[in-house]
Amino acid sequence: RFEQAQHAFQVATSLAPDYAPAYNEWGNVLLDTGRYLAALDFYNRSLAIDESRAVVHHNRGVCCRLLGRREDAIANFRKAMSINAGYTYSIEELAREELARL
Protein backbone atom coordinates (compact mmCIF):
# COMPACT_ATOMS: atom_id res chain seq x y z
CA ARG A 1 0.00 0.00 0.00
CA PHE A 2 2.89 2.38 0.66
CA GLU A 3 3.94 2.12 -2.98
CA GLN A 4 0.37 2.81 -4.12
CA ALA A 5 0.19 5.89 -1.90
CA GLN A 6 3.56 7.07 -3.17
CA HIS A 7 2.45 6.65 -6.77
CA ALA A 8 -0.79 8.54 -6.11
CA PHE A 9 1.17 11.38 -4.52
CA GLN A 10 3.56 11.54 -7.47
CA VAL A 11 0.68 11.65 -9.94
CA ALA A 12 -1.16 14.31 -7.94
CA THR A 13 1.87 16.57 -7.65
CA SER A 14 2.79 16.13 -11.30
CA LEU A 15 -0.70 17.32 -12.25
CA ALA A 16 -0.86 20.10 -9.64
CA PRO A 17 2.55 20.79 -8.07
CA ASP A 18 1.15 23.58 -5.88
CA TYR A 19 -1.72 21.56 -4.41
CA ALA A 20 -0.94 21.91 -0.69
CA PRO A 21 -3.32 19.15 0.52
CA ALA A 22 -1.32 16.53 -1.43
CA TYR A 23 1.81 17.38 0.57
CA ASN A 24 -0.16 17.23 3.80
CA GLU A 25 -1.61 13.82 2.92
CA TRP A 26 1.80 12.44 1.96
CA GLY A 27 3.10 13.80 5.27
CA ASN A 28 0.36 11.80 6.99
CA VAL A 29 1.46 8.62 5.20
CA LEU A 30 5.04 9.23 6.31
CA LEU A 31 3.93 10.03 9.86
CA ASP A 32 1.84 6.85 10.03
CA THR A 33 4.86 4.80 8.95
CA GLY A 34 7.19 6.36 11.53
CA ARG A 35 9.13 8.56 9.12
CA TYR A 36 8.77 11.67 11.26
CA LEU A 37 11.52 13.86 9.82
CA ALA A 38 10.35 13.18 6.28
CA ALA A 39 6.75 13.88 7.34
CA LEU A 40 7.82 17.19 8.85
CA ASP A 41 9.41 18.16 5.55
CA PHE A 42 6.15 17.53 3.68
CA TYR A 43 4.07 19.43 6.23
CA ASN A 44 6.50 22.32 5.79
CA ARG A 45 6.08 22.10 2.01
CA SER A 46 2.31 22.15 2.37
CA LEU A 47 2.49 25.21 4.63
CA ALA A 48 4.88 26.97 2.25
CA ILE A 49 2.16 26.73 -0.40
CA ASP A 50 -0.83 27.47 1.86
CA GLU A 51 -0.41 28.29 5.53
CA SER A 52 -4.13 28.86 6.10
CA ARG A 53 -5.12 25.24 6.81
CA ALA A 54 -5.46 24.42 10.50
CA VAL A 55 -5.17 20.69 9.84
CA VAL A 56 -1.62 21.03 8.50
CA HIS A 57 -0.46 23.03 11.51
CA HIS A 58 -2.06 20.40 13.72
CA ASN A 59 -0.38 17.54 11.86
CA ARG A 60 2.94 19.36 12.05
CA GLY A 61 2.37 19.69 15.80
CA VAL A 62 1.77 15.97 16.17
CA CYS A 63 4.94 15.30 14.21
CA CYS A 64 6.95 17.70 16.38
CA ARG A 65 5.57 16.04 19.53
CA LEU A 66 6.65 12.63 18.25
CA LEU A 67 10.10 14.04 17.53
CA GLY A 68 10.33 15.31 21.11
CA ARG A 69 10.01 18.95 20.06
CA ARG A 70 7.36 19.81 22.60
CA GLU A 71 7.49 23.62 22.34
CA ASP A 72 7.24 23.44 18.54
CA ALA A 73 4.30 21.07 18.92
CA ILE A 74 2.49 23.45 21.26
CA ALA A 75 3.15 26.39 18.92
CA ASN A 76 1.68 24.46 16.01
CA PHE A 77 -1.42 23.41 17.96
CA ARG A 78 -1.91 27.04 18.96
CA LYS A 79 -1.48 28.16 15.36
CA ALA A 80 -4.12 25.65 14.26
CA MET A 81 -6.46 27.07 16.88
CA SER A 82 -5.73 30.65 15.81
CA ILE A 83 -6.99 29.67 12.37
CA ASN A 84 -9.91 27.64 13.69
CA ALA A 85 -10.67 28.29 17.36
CA GLY A 86 -12.82 25.18 17.59
CA TYR A 87 -10.27 22.79 16.10
CA THR A 88 -11.00 19.91 18.46
CA TYR A 89 -7.89 17.86 17.75
CA SER A 90 -5.55 20.70 18.65
CA ILE A 91 -7.62 21.56 21.72
CA GLU A 92 -7.20 17.95 22.87
CA GLU A 93 -3.46 17.95 22.14
CA LEU A 94 -2.94 21.18 24.08
CA ALA A 95 -4.90 19.79 27.03
CA ARG A 96 -2.73 16.67 26.92
CA GLU A 97 0.43 18.81 26.91
CA GLU A 98 -0.85 20.86 29.86
CA LEU A 99 -1.57 17.68 31.82
CA ALA A 100 1.90 16.36 31.05
CA ARG A 101 3.39 19.50 32.59
CA LEU A 102 1.68 18.87 35.95
PDB file of N, CA and C in Angstrom:
ATOM      1  N   ARG A   1       0.806  -1.199   0.000  1.00  0.00           N
ATOM      2  CA  ARG A   1       0.000   0.000   0.000  1.00  0.00           C
ATOM      3  C   ARG A   1       0.849   1.263   0.000  1.00  0.00           C
ATOM      4  N   PHE A   2       2.017   1.209   0.631  1.00  0.00           N
ATOM      5  CA  PHE A   2       2.891   2.381   0.656  1.00  0.00           C
ATOM      6  C   PHE A   2       3.245   2.796  -0.770  1.00  0.00           C
ATOM      7  N   GLU A   3       3.570   1.824  -1.587  1.00  0.00           N
ATOM      8  CA  GLU A   3       3.941   2.121  -2.977  1.00  0.00           C
ATOM      9  C   GLU A   3       2.771   2.733  -3.733  1.00  0.00           C
ATOM     10  N   GLN A   4       1.557   2.250  -3.471  1.00  0.00           N
ATOM     11  CA  GLN A   4       0.374   2.815  -4.123  1.00  0.00           C
ATOM     12  C   GLN A   4       0.168   4.263  -3.698  1.00  0.00           C
ATOM     13  N   ALA A   5       0.340   4.525  -2.410  1.00  0.00           N
ATOM     14  CA  ALA A   5       0.186   5.889  -1.903  1.00  0.00           C
ATOM     15  C   ALA A   5       1.257   6.798  -2.502  1.00  0.00           C
ATOM     16  N   GLN A   6       2.467   6.293  -2.596  1.00  0.00           N
ATOM     17  CA  GLN A   6       3.564   7.069  -3.166  1.00  0.00           C
ATOM     18  C   GLN A   6       3.274   7.403  -4.632  1.00  0.00           C
ATOM     19  N   HIS A   7       2.783   6.424  -5.366  1.00  0.00           N
ATOM     20  CA  HIS A   7       2.449   6.646  -6.773  1.00  0.00           C
ATOM     21  C   HIS A   7       1.331   7.683  -6.902  1.00  0.00           C
ATOM     22  N   ALA A   8       0.321   7.589  -6.068  1.00  0.00           N
ATOM     23  CA  ALA A   8      -0.788   8.544  -6.109  1.00  0.00           C
ATOM     24  C   ALA A   8      -0.290   9.957  -5.807  1.00  0.00           C
ATOM     25  N   PHE A   9       0.600  10.068  -4.846  1.00  0.00           N
ATOM     26  CA  PHE A   9       1.170  11.378  -4.519  1.00  0.00           C
ATOM     27  C   PHE A   9       1.948  11.935  -5.705  1.00  0.00           C
ATOM     28  N   GLN A  10       2.759  11.093  -6.332  1.00  0.00           N
ATOM     29  CA  GLN A  10       3.556  11.540  -7.472  1.00  0.00           C
ATOM     30  C   GLN A  10       2.677  11.994  -8.627  1.00  0.00           C
ATOM     31  N   VAL A  11       1.613  11.259  -8.876  1.00  0.00           N
ATOM     32  CA  VAL A  11       0.685  11.648  -9.944  1.00  0.00           C
ATOM     33  C   VAL A  11       0.016  12.970  -9.591  1.00  0.00           C
ATOM     34  N   ALA A  12      -0.460  13.086  -8.359  1.00  0.00           N
ATOM     35  CA  ALA A  12      -1.156  14.306  -7.944  1.00  0.00           C
ATOM     36  C   ALA A  12      -0.257  15.525  -8.063  1.00  0.00           C
ATOM     37  N   THR A  13       0.980  15.399  -7.609  1.00  0.00           N
ATOM     38  CA  THR A  13       1.866  16.568  -7.649  1.00  0.00           C
ATOM     39  C   THR A  13       2.406  16.838  -9.047  1.00  0.00           C
ATOM     40  N   SER A  14       2.394  15.845  -9.913  1.00  0.00           N
ATOM     41  CA  SER A  14       2.789  16.131 -11.296  1.00  0.00           C
ATOM     42  C   SER A  14       1.674  16.888 -12.019  1.00  0.00           C
ATOM     43  N   LEU A  15       0.435  16.620 -11.642  1.00  0.00           N
ATOM     44  CA  LEU A  15      -0.704  17.318 -12.250  1.00  0.00           C
ATOM     45  C   LEU A  15      -0.917  18.703 -11.642  1.00  0.00           C
ATOM     46  N   ALA A  16      -0.657  18.820 -10.348  1.00  0.00           N
ATOM     47  CA  ALA A  16      -0.864  20.097  -9.643  1.00  0.00           C
ATOM     48  C   ALA A  16       0.229  20.259  -8.589  1.00  0.00           C
ATOM     49  N   PRO A  17       1.410  20.714  -9.002  1.00  0.00           N
ATOM     50  CA  PRO A  17       2.546  20.787  -8.073  1.00  0.00           C
ATOM     51  C   PRO A  17       2.340  21.729  -6.888  1.00  0.00           C
ATOM     52  N   ASP A  18       1.407  22.651  -6.976  1.00  0.00           N
ATOM     53  CA  ASP A  18       1.150  23.577  -5.876  1.00  0.00           C
ATOM     54  C   ASP A  18      -0.116  23.235  -5.091  1.00  0.00           C
ATOM     55  N   TYR A  19      -0.519  21.987  -5.135  1.00  0.00           N
ATOM     56  CA  TYR A  19      -1.716  21.559  -4.406  1.00  0.00           C
ATOM     57  C   TYR A  19      -1.309  21.150  -2.995  1.00  0.00           C
ATOM     58  N   ALA A  20      -1.410  22.094  -2.068  1.00  0.00           N
ATOM     59  CA  ALA A  20      -0.941  21.905  -0.690  1.00  0.00           C
ATOM     60  C   ALA A  20      -1.510  20.663  -0.006  1.00  0.00           C
ATOM     61  N   PRO A  21      -2.799  20.328  -0.168  1.00  0.00           N
ATOM     62  CA  PRO A  21      -3.315  19.148   0.517  1.00  0.00           C
ATOM     63  C   PRO A  21      -2.590  17.843   0.154  1.00  0.00           C
ATOM     64  N   ALA A  22      -2.054  17.752  -1.051  1.00  0.00           N
ATOM     65  CA  ALA A  22      -1.323  16.532  -1.428  1.00  0.00           C
ATOM     66  C   ALA A  22      -0.087  16.357  -0.561  1.00  0.00           C
ATOM     67  N   TYR A  23       0.613  17.450  -0.274  1.00  0.00           N
ATOM     68  CA  TYR A  23       1.813  17.381   0.567  1.00  0.00           C
ATOM     69  C   TYR A  23       1.439  17.029   2.007  1.00  0.00           C
ATOM     70  N   ASN A  24       0.318  17.574   2.471  1.00  0.00           N
ATOM     71  CA  ASN A  24      -0.156  17.229   3.803  1.00  0.00           C
ATOM     72  C   ASN A  24      -0.494  15.739   3.888  1.00  0.00           C
ATOM     73  N   GLU A  25      -1.208  15.234   2.895  1.00  0.00           N
ATOM     74  CA  GLU A  25      -1.606  13.823   2.922  1.00  0.00           C
ATOM     75  C   GLU A  25      -0.392  12.898   2.843  1.00  0.00           C
ATOM     76  N   TRP A  26       0.591  13.271   2.029  1.00  0.00           N
ATOM     77  CA  TRP A  26       1.804  12.443   1.965  1.00  0.00           C
ATOM     78  C   TRP A  26       2.548  12.516   3.295  1.00  0.00           C
ATOM     79  N   GLY A  27       2.536  13.681   3.924  1.00  0.00           N
ATOM     80  CA  GLY A  27       3.103  13.797   5.268  1.00  0.00           C
ATOM     81  C   GLY A  27       2.420  12.856   6.235  1.00  0.00           C
ATOM     82  N   ASN A  28       1.103  12.721   6.115  1.00  0.00           N
ATOM     83  CA  ASN A  28       0.361  11.797   6.986  1.00  0.00           C
ATOM     84  C   ASN A  28       0.785  10.351   6.758  1.00  0.00           C
ATOM     85  N   VAL A  29       1.000   9.979   5.502  1.00  0.00           N
ATOM     86  CA  VAL A  29       1.464   8.622   5.196  1.00  0.00           C
ATOM     87  C   VAL A  29       2.826   8.384   5.858  1.00  0.00           C
ATOM     88  N   LEU A  30       3.710   9.354   5.718  1.00  0.00           N
ATOM     89  CA  LEU A  30       5.043   9.226   6.306  1.00  0.00           C
ATOM     90  C   LEU A  30       4.968   9.189   7.830  1.00  0.00           C
ATOM     91  N   LEU A  31       4.112  10.024   8.414  1.00  0.00           N
ATOM     92  CA  LEU A  31       3.931  10.030   9.862  1.00  0.00           C
ATOM     93  C   LEU A  31       3.426   8.674  10.340  1.00  0.00           C
ATOM     94  N   ASP A  32       2.435   8.139   9.647  1.00  0.00           N
ATOM     95  CA  ASP A  32       1.844   6.846  10.028  1.00  0.00           C
ATOM     96  C   ASP A  32       2.837   5.692   9.923  1.00  0.00           C
ATOM     97  N   THR A  33       3.868   5.863   9.109  1.00  0.00           N
ATOM     98  CA  THR A  33       4.859   4.799   8.949  1.00  0.00           C
ATOM     99  C   THR A  33       6.138   5.088   9.736  1.00  0.00           C
ATOM    100  N   GLY A  34       6.073   6.082  10.644  1.00  0.00           N
ATOM    101  CA  GLY A  34       7.192   6.357  11.533  1.00  0.00           C
ATOM    102  C   GLY A  34       8.321   7.172  10.928  1.00  0.00           C
ATOM    103  N   ARG A  35       8.103   7.749   9.777  1.00  0.00           N
ATOM    104  CA  ARG A  35       9.132   8.565   9.117  1.00  0.00           C
ATOM    105  C   ARG A  35       8.898  10.042   9.469  1.00  0.00           C
ATOM    106  N   TYR A  36       9.151  10.376  10.724  1.00  0.00           N
ATOM    107  CA  TYR A  36       8.766  11.666  11.264  1.00  0.00           C
ATOM    108  C   TYR A  36       9.499  12.847  10.623  1.00  0.00           C
ATOM    109  N   LEU A  37      10.791  12.748  10.431  1.00  0.00           N
ATOM    110  CA  LEU A  37      11.525  13.859   9.817  1.00  0.00           C
ATOM    111  C   LEU A  37      11.070  14.103   8.384  1.00  0.00           C
ATOM    112  N   ALA A  38      10.847  13.033   7.657  1.00  0.00           N
ATOM    113  CA  ALA A  38      10.351  13.177   6.283  1.00  0.00           C
ATOM    114  C   ALA A  38       8.946  13.774   6.293  1.00  0.00           C
ATOM    115  N   ALA A  39       8.105  13.336   7.230  1.00  0.00           N
ATOM    116  CA  ALA A  39       6.747  13.882   7.336  1.00  0.00           C
ATOM    117  C   ALA A  39       6.803  15.375   7.613  1.00  0.00           C
ATOM    118  N   LEU A  40       7.683  15.779   8.515  1.00  0.00           N
ATOM    119  CA  LEU A  40       7.821  17.189   8.848  1.00  0.00           C
ATOM    120  C   LEU A  40       8.169  18.013   7.609  1.00  0.00           C
ATOM    121  N   ASP A  41       9.037  17.475   6.788  1.00  0.00           N
ATOM    122  CA  ASP A  41       9.409  18.157   5.552  1.00  0.00           C
ATOM    123  C   ASP A  41       8.192  18.373   4.656  1.00  0.00           C
ATOM    124  N   PHE A  42       7.327  17.389   4.553  1.00  0.00           N
ATOM    125  CA  PHE A  42       6.155  17.529   3.681  1.00  0.00           C
ATOM    126  C   PHE A  42       5.098  18.446   4.291  1.00  0.00           C
ATOM    127  N   TYR A  43       4.973  18.453   5.613  1.00  0.00           N
ATOM    128  CA  TYR A  43       4.075  19.432   6.229  1.00  0.00           C
ATOM    129  C   TYR A  43       4.594  20.845   5.976  1.00  0.00           C
ATOM    130  N   ASN A  44       5.910  21.012   6.071  1.00  0.00           N
ATOM    131  CA  ASN A  44       6.498  22.322   5.786  1.00  0.00           C
ATOM    132  C   ASN A  44       6.249  22.732   4.338  1.00  0.00           C
ATOM    133  N   ARG A  45       6.356  21.792   3.422  1.00  0.00           N
ATOM    134  CA  ARG A  45       6.079  22.095   2.008  1.00  0.00           C
ATOM    135  C   ARG A  45       4.630  22.514   1.819  1.00  0.00           C
ATOM    136  N   SER A  46       3.723  21.803   2.471  1.00  0.00           N
ATOM    137  CA  SER A  46       2.311  22.150   2.372  1.00  0.00           C
ATOM    138  C   SER A  46       2.064  23.558   2.893  1.00  0.00           C
ATOM    139  N   LEU A  47       2.671  23.882   4.036  1.00  0.00           N
ATOM    140  CA  LEU A  47       2.488  25.207   4.629  1.00  0.00           C
ATOM    141  C   LEU A  47       3.151  26.308   3.803  1.00  0.00           C
ATOM    142  N   ALA A  48       4.227  25.983   3.112  1.00  0.00           N
ATOM    143  CA  ALA A  48       4.875  26.970   2.253  1.00  0.00           C
ATOM    144  C   ALA A  48       3.958  27.377   1.103  1.00  0.00           C
ATOM    145  N   ILE A  49       3.108  26.457   0.690  1.00  0.00           N
ATOM    146  CA  ILE A  49       2.156  26.732  -0.396  1.00  0.00           C
ATOM    147  C   ILE A  49       0.913  27.431   0.138  1.00  0.00           C
ATOM    148  N   ASP A  50       0.407  26.937   1.280  1.00  0.00           N
ATOM    149  CA  ASP A  50      -0.831  27.472   1.859  1.00  0.00           C
ATOM    150  C   ASP A  50      -0.783  27.303   3.369  1.00  0.00           C
ATOM    151  N   GLU A  51      -0.537  28.384   4.071  1.00  0.00           N
ATOM    152  CA  GLU A  51      -0.414  28.293   5.528  1.00  0.00           C
ATOM    153  C   GLU A  51      -1.741  28.503   6.253  1.00  0.00           C
ATOM    154  N   SER A  52      -2.835  28.545   5.511  1.00  0.00           N
ATOM    155  CA  SER A  52      -4.133  28.862   6.105  1.00  0.00           C
ATOM    156  C   SER A  52      -4.927  27.642   6.570  1.00  0.00           C
ATOM    157  N   ARG A  53      -4.363  26.453   6.458  1.00  0.00           N
ATOM    158  CA  ARG A  53      -5.116  25.239   6.805  1.00  0.00           C
ATOM    159  C   ARG A  53      -4.739  24.747   8.201  1.00  0.00           C
ATOM    160  N   ALA A  54      -5.691  24.818   9.113  1.00  0.00           N
ATOM    161  CA  ALA A  54      -5.457  24.417  10.505  1.00  0.00           C
ATOM    162  C   ALA A  54      -4.974  22.971  10.598  1.00  0.00           C
ATOM    163  N   VAL A  55      -5.511  22.110   9.766  1.00  0.00           N
ATOM    164  CA  VAL A  55      -5.168  20.694   9.836  1.00  0.00           C
ATOM    165  C   VAL A  55      -3.667  20.459   9.625  1.00  0.00           C
ATOM    166  N   VAL A  56      -3.044  21.227   8.757  1.00  0.00           N
ATOM    167  CA  VAL A  56      -1.616  21.026   8.496  1.00  0.00           C
ATOM    168  C   VAL A  56      -0.788  21.479   9.695  1.00  0.00           C
ATOM    169  N   HIS A  57      -1.162  22.592  10.299  1.00  0.00           N
ATOM    170  CA  HIS A  57      -0.465  23.035  11.510  1.00  0.00           C
ATOM    171  C   HIS A  57      -0.622  21.992  12.619  1.00  0.00           C
ATOM    172  N   HIS A  58      -1.823  21.449  12.726  1.00  0.00           N
ATOM    173  CA  HIS A  58      -2.062  20.405  13.724  1.00  0.00           C
ATOM    174  C   HIS A  58      -1.178  19.183  13.446  1.00  0.00           C
ATOM    175  N   ASN A  59      -1.186  18.724  12.211  1.00  0.00           N
ATOM    176  CA  ASN A  59      -0.384  17.540  11.862  1.00  0.00           C
ATOM    177  C   ASN A  59       1.096  17.795  12.104  1.00  0.00           C
ATOM    178  N   ARG A  60       1.546  19.000  11.782  1.00  0.00           N
ATOM    179  CA  ARG A  60       2.939  19.364  12.046  1.00  0.00           C
ATOM    180  C   ARG A  60       3.204  19.315  13.550  1.00  0.00           C
ATOM    181  N   GLY A  61       2.232  19.752  14.345  1.00  0.00           N
ATOM    182  CA  GLY A  61       2.365  19.689  15.798  1.00  0.00           C
ATOM    183  C   GLY A  61       2.494  18.266  16.304  1.00  0.00           C
ATOM    184  N   VAL A  62       1.684  17.383  15.781  1.00  0.00           N
ATOM    185  CA  VAL A  62       1.774  15.966  16.169  1.00  0.00           C
ATOM    186  C   VAL A  62       3.155  15.427  15.829  1.00  0.00           C
ATOM    187  N   CYS A  63       3.622  15.758  14.650  1.00  0.00           N
ATOM    188  CA  CYS A  63       4.938  15.297  14.206  1.00  0.00           C
ATOM    189  C   CYS A  63       6.031  15.828  15.144  1.00  0.00           C
ATOM    190  N   CYS A  64       5.957  17.111  15.463  1.00  0.00           N
ATOM    191  CA  CYS A  64       6.947  17.701  16.380  1.00  0.00           C
ATOM    192  C   CYS A  64       6.902  17.021  17.744  1.00  0.00           C
ATOM    193  N   ARG A  65       5.699  16.736  18.233  1.00  0.00           N
ATOM    194  CA  ARG A  65       5.575  16.043  19.525  1.00  0.00           C
ATOM    195  C   ARG A  65       6.259  14.686  19.474  1.00  0.00           C
ATOM    196  N   LEU A  66       6.039  13.960  18.394  1.00  0.00           N
ATOM    197  CA  LEU A  66       6.649  12.634  18.249  1.00  0.00           C
ATOM    198  C   LEU A  66       8.167  12.708  18.118  1.00  0.00           C
ATOM    199  N   LEU A  67       8.658  13.833  17.633  1.00  0.00           N
ATOM    200  CA  LEU A  67      10.103  14.042  17.528  1.00  0.00           C
ATOM    201  C   LEU A  67      10.702  14.592  18.824  1.00  0.00           C
ATOM    202  N   GLY A  68       9.853  14.790  19.830  1.00  0.00           N
ATOM    203  CA  GLY A  68      10.326  15.307  21.109  1.00  0.00           C
ATOM    204  C   GLY A  68      10.483  16.815  21.136  1.00  0.00           C
ATOM    205  N   ARG A  69       9.927  17.490  20.158  1.00  0.00           N
ATOM    206  CA  ARG A  69      10.011  18.949  20.056  1.00  0.00           C
ATOM    207  C   ARG A  69       8.731  19.559  20.617  1.00  0.00           C
ATOM    208  N   ARG A  70       8.596  19.468  21.911  1.00  0.00           N
ATOM    209  CA  ARG A  70       7.363  19.812  22.603  1.00  0.00           C
ATOM    210  C   ARG A  70       6.929  21.262  22.385  1.00  0.00           C
ATOM    211  N   GLU A  71       7.859  22.206  22.508  1.00  0.00           N
ATOM    212  CA  GLU A  71       7.490  23.617  22.345  1.00  0.00           C
ATOM    213  C   GLU A  71       7.030  23.903  20.915  1.00  0.00           C
ATOM    214  N   ASP A  72       7.684  23.294  19.935  1.00  0.00           N
ATOM    215  CA  ASP A  72       7.239  23.445  18.541  1.00  0.00           C
ATOM    216  C   ASP A  72       5.849  22.841  18.357  1.00  0.00           C
ATOM    217  N   ALA A  73       5.620  21.720  19.009  1.00  0.00           N
ATOM    218  CA  ALA A  73       4.304  21.072  18.922  1.00  0.00           C
ATOM    219  C   ALA A  73       3.228  22.004  19.459  1.00  0.00           C
ATOM    220  N   ILE A  74       3.473  22.548  20.636  1.00  0.00           N
ATOM    221  CA  ILE A  74       2.493  23.451  21.255  1.00  0.00           C
ATOM    222  C   ILE A  74       2.250  24.668  20.365  1.00  0.00           C
ATOM    223  N   ALA A  75       3.302  25.230  19.813  1.00  0.00           N
ATOM    224  CA  ALA A  75       3.153  26.388  18.925  1.00  0.00           C
ATOM    225  C   ALA A  75       2.299  26.048  17.718  1.00  0.00           C
ATOM    226  N   ASN A  76       2.476  24.859  17.174  1.00  0.00           N
ATOM    227  CA  ASN A  76       1.678  24.455  16.014  1.00  0.00           C
ATOM    228  C   ASN A  76       0.226  24.209  16.379  1.00  0.00           C
ATOM    229  N   PHE A  77      -0.036  23.611  17.532  1.00  0.00           N
ATOM    230  CA  PHE A  77      -1.420  23.411  17.961  1.00  0.00           C
ATOM    231  C   PHE A  77      -2.091  24.768  18.181  1.00  0.00           C
ATOM    232  N   ARG A  78      -1.358  25.699  18.760  1.00  0.00           N
ATOM    233  CA  ARG A  78      -1.914  27.042  18.965  1.00  0.00           C
ATOM    234  C   ARG A  78      -2.169  27.748  17.637  1.00  0.00           C
ATOM    235  N   LYS A  79      -1.282  27.564  16.684  1.00  0.00           N
ATOM    236  CA  LYS A  79      -1.481  28.162  15.363  1.00  0.00           C
ATOM    237  C   LYS A  79      -2.738  27.584  14.707  1.00  0.00           C
ATOM    238  N   ALA A  80      -2.913  26.283  14.816  1.00  0.00           N
ATOM    239  CA  ALA A  80      -4.121  25.654  14.260  1.00  0.00           C
ATOM    240  C   ALA A  80      -5.368  26.267  14.887  1.00  0.00           C
ATOM    241  N   MET A  81      -5.307  26.501  16.190  1.00  0.00           N
ATOM    242  CA  MET A  81      -6.460  27.073  16.884  1.00  0.00           C
ATOM    243  C   MET A  81      -6.640  28.554  16.568  1.00  0.00           C
ATOM    244  N   SER A  82      -5.567  29.243  16.192  1.00  0.00           N
ATOM    245  CA  SER A  82      -5.728  30.654  15.808  1.00  0.00           C
ATOM    246  C   SER A  82      -6.437  30.756  14.458  1.00  0.00           C
ATOM    247  N   ILE A  83      -6.306  29.719  13.663  1.00  0.00           N
ATOM    248  CA  ILE A  83      -6.990  29.669  12.366  1.00  0.00           C
ATOM    249  C   ILE A  83      -8.425  29.191  12.548  1.00  0.00           C
ATOM    250  N   ASN A  84      -8.593  28.202  13.418  1.00  0.00           N
ATOM    251  CA  ASN A  84      -9.911  27.637  13.686  1.00  0.00           C
ATOM    252  C   ASN A  84     -10.013  27.389  15.185  1.00  0.00           C
ATOM    253  N   ALA A  85     -10.617  28.335  15.892  1.00  0.00           N
ATOM    254  CA  ALA A  85     -10.673  28.288  17.359  1.00  0.00           C
ATOM    255  C   ALA A  85     -11.306  27.011  17.899  1.00  0.00           C
ATOM    256  N   GLY A  86     -12.152  26.397  17.132  1.00  0.00           N
ATOM    257  CA  GLY A  86     -12.822  25.180  17.585  1.00  0.00           C
ATOM    258  C   GLY A  86     -12.190  23.898  17.082  1.00  0.00           C
ATOM    259  N   TYR A  87     -10.928  23.971  16.662  1.00  0.00           N
ATOM    260  CA  TYR A  87     -10.268  22.788  16.098  1.00  0.00           C
ATOM    261  C   TYR A  87     -10.029  21.774  17.215  1.00  0.00           C
ATOM    262  N   THR A  88     -10.940  20.849  17.349  1.00  0.00           N
ATOM    263  CA  THR A  88     -11.004  19.908  18.460  1.00  0.00           C
ATOM    264  C   THR A  88      -9.711  19.139  18.671  1.00  0.00           C
ATOM    265  N   TYR A  89      -9.097  18.673  17.604  1.00  0.00           N
ATOM    266  CA  TYR A  89      -7.893  17.858  17.752  1.00  0.00           C
ATOM    267  C   TYR A  89      -6.760  18.637  18.414  1.00  0.00           C
ATOM    268  N   SER A  90      -6.598  19.889  18.037  1.00  0.00           N
ATOM    269  CA  SER A  90      -5.546  20.700  18.653  1.00  0.00           C
ATOM    270  C   SER A  90      -5.905  21.066  20.091  1.00  0.00           C
ATOM    271  N   ILE A  91      -7.175  21.298  20.346  1.00  0.00           N
ATOM    272  CA  ILE A  91      -7.616  21.561  21.722  1.00  0.00           C
ATOM    273  C   ILE A  91      -7.249  20.368  22.601  1.00  0.00           C
ATOM    274  N   GLU A  92      -7.519  19.170  22.111  1.00  0.00           N
ATOM    275  CA  GLU A  92      -7.203  17.955  22.874  1.00  0.00           C
ATOM    276  C   GLU A  92      -5.699  17.793  23.065  1.00  0.00           C
ATOM    277  N   GLU A  93      -4.920  18.069  22.031  1.00  0.00           N
ATOM    278  CA  GLU A  93      -3.456  17.950  22.141  1.00  0.00           C
ATOM    279  C   GLU A  93      -2.905  18.954  23.150  1.00  0.00           C
ATOM    280  N   LEU A  94      -3.410  20.175  23.123  1.00  0.00           N
ATOM    281  CA  LEU A  94      -2.944  21.178  24.083  1.00  0.00           C
ATOM    282  C   LEU A  94      -3.313  20.788  25.507  1.00  0.00           C
ATOM    283  N   ALA A  95      -4.494  20.255  25.697  1.00  0.00           N
ATOM    284  CA  ALA A  95      -4.901  19.787  27.026  1.00  0.00           C
ATOM    285  C   ALA A  95      -3.981  18.666  27.492  1.00  0.00           C
ATOM    286  N   ARG A  96      -3.640  17.767  26.603  1.00  0.00           N
ATOM    287  CA  ARG A  96      -2.733  16.667  26.923  1.00  0.00           C
ATOM    288  C   ARG A  96      -1.350  17.200  27.324  1.00  0.00           C
ATOM    289  N   GLU A  97      -0.872  18.207  26.590  1.00  0.00           N
ATOM    290  CA  GLU A  97       0.426  18.813  26.906  1.00  0.00           C
ATOM    291  C   GLU A  97       0.386  19.507  28.272  1.00  0.00           C
ATOM    292  N   GLU A  98      -0.714  20.189  28.554  1.00  0.00           N
ATOM    293  CA  GLU A  98      -0.850  20.860  29.856  1.00  0.00           C
ATOM    294  C   GLU A  98      -0.867  19.838  30.991  1.00  0.00           C
ATOM    295  N   LEU A  99      -1.556  18.734  30.807  1.00  0.00           N
ATOM    296  CA  LEU A  99      -1.571  17.682  31.822  1.00  0.00           C
ATOM    297  C   LEU A  99      -0.184  17.075  32.032  1.00  0.00           C
ATOM    298  N   ALA A 100       0.552  16.946  30.958  1.00  0.00           N
ATOM    299  CA  ALA A 100       1.900  16.363  31.050  1.00  0.00           C
ATOM    300  C   ALA A 100       2.839  17.279  31.837  1.00  0.00           C
ATOM    301  N   ARG A 101       2.550  18.556  31.847  1.00  0.00           N
ATOM    302  CA  ARG A 101       3.392  19.500  32.591  1.00  0.00           C
ATOM    303  C   ARG A 101       3.145  19.463  34.098  1.00  0.00           C
ATOM    304  N   LEU A 102       2.009  18.912  34.518  1.00  0.00           N
ATOM    305  CA  LEU A 102       1.678  18.874  35.952  1.00  0.00           C
ATOM    306  C   LEU A 102       2.502  17.855  36.698  1.00  0.00           C
TER     307      LEU A 102
END
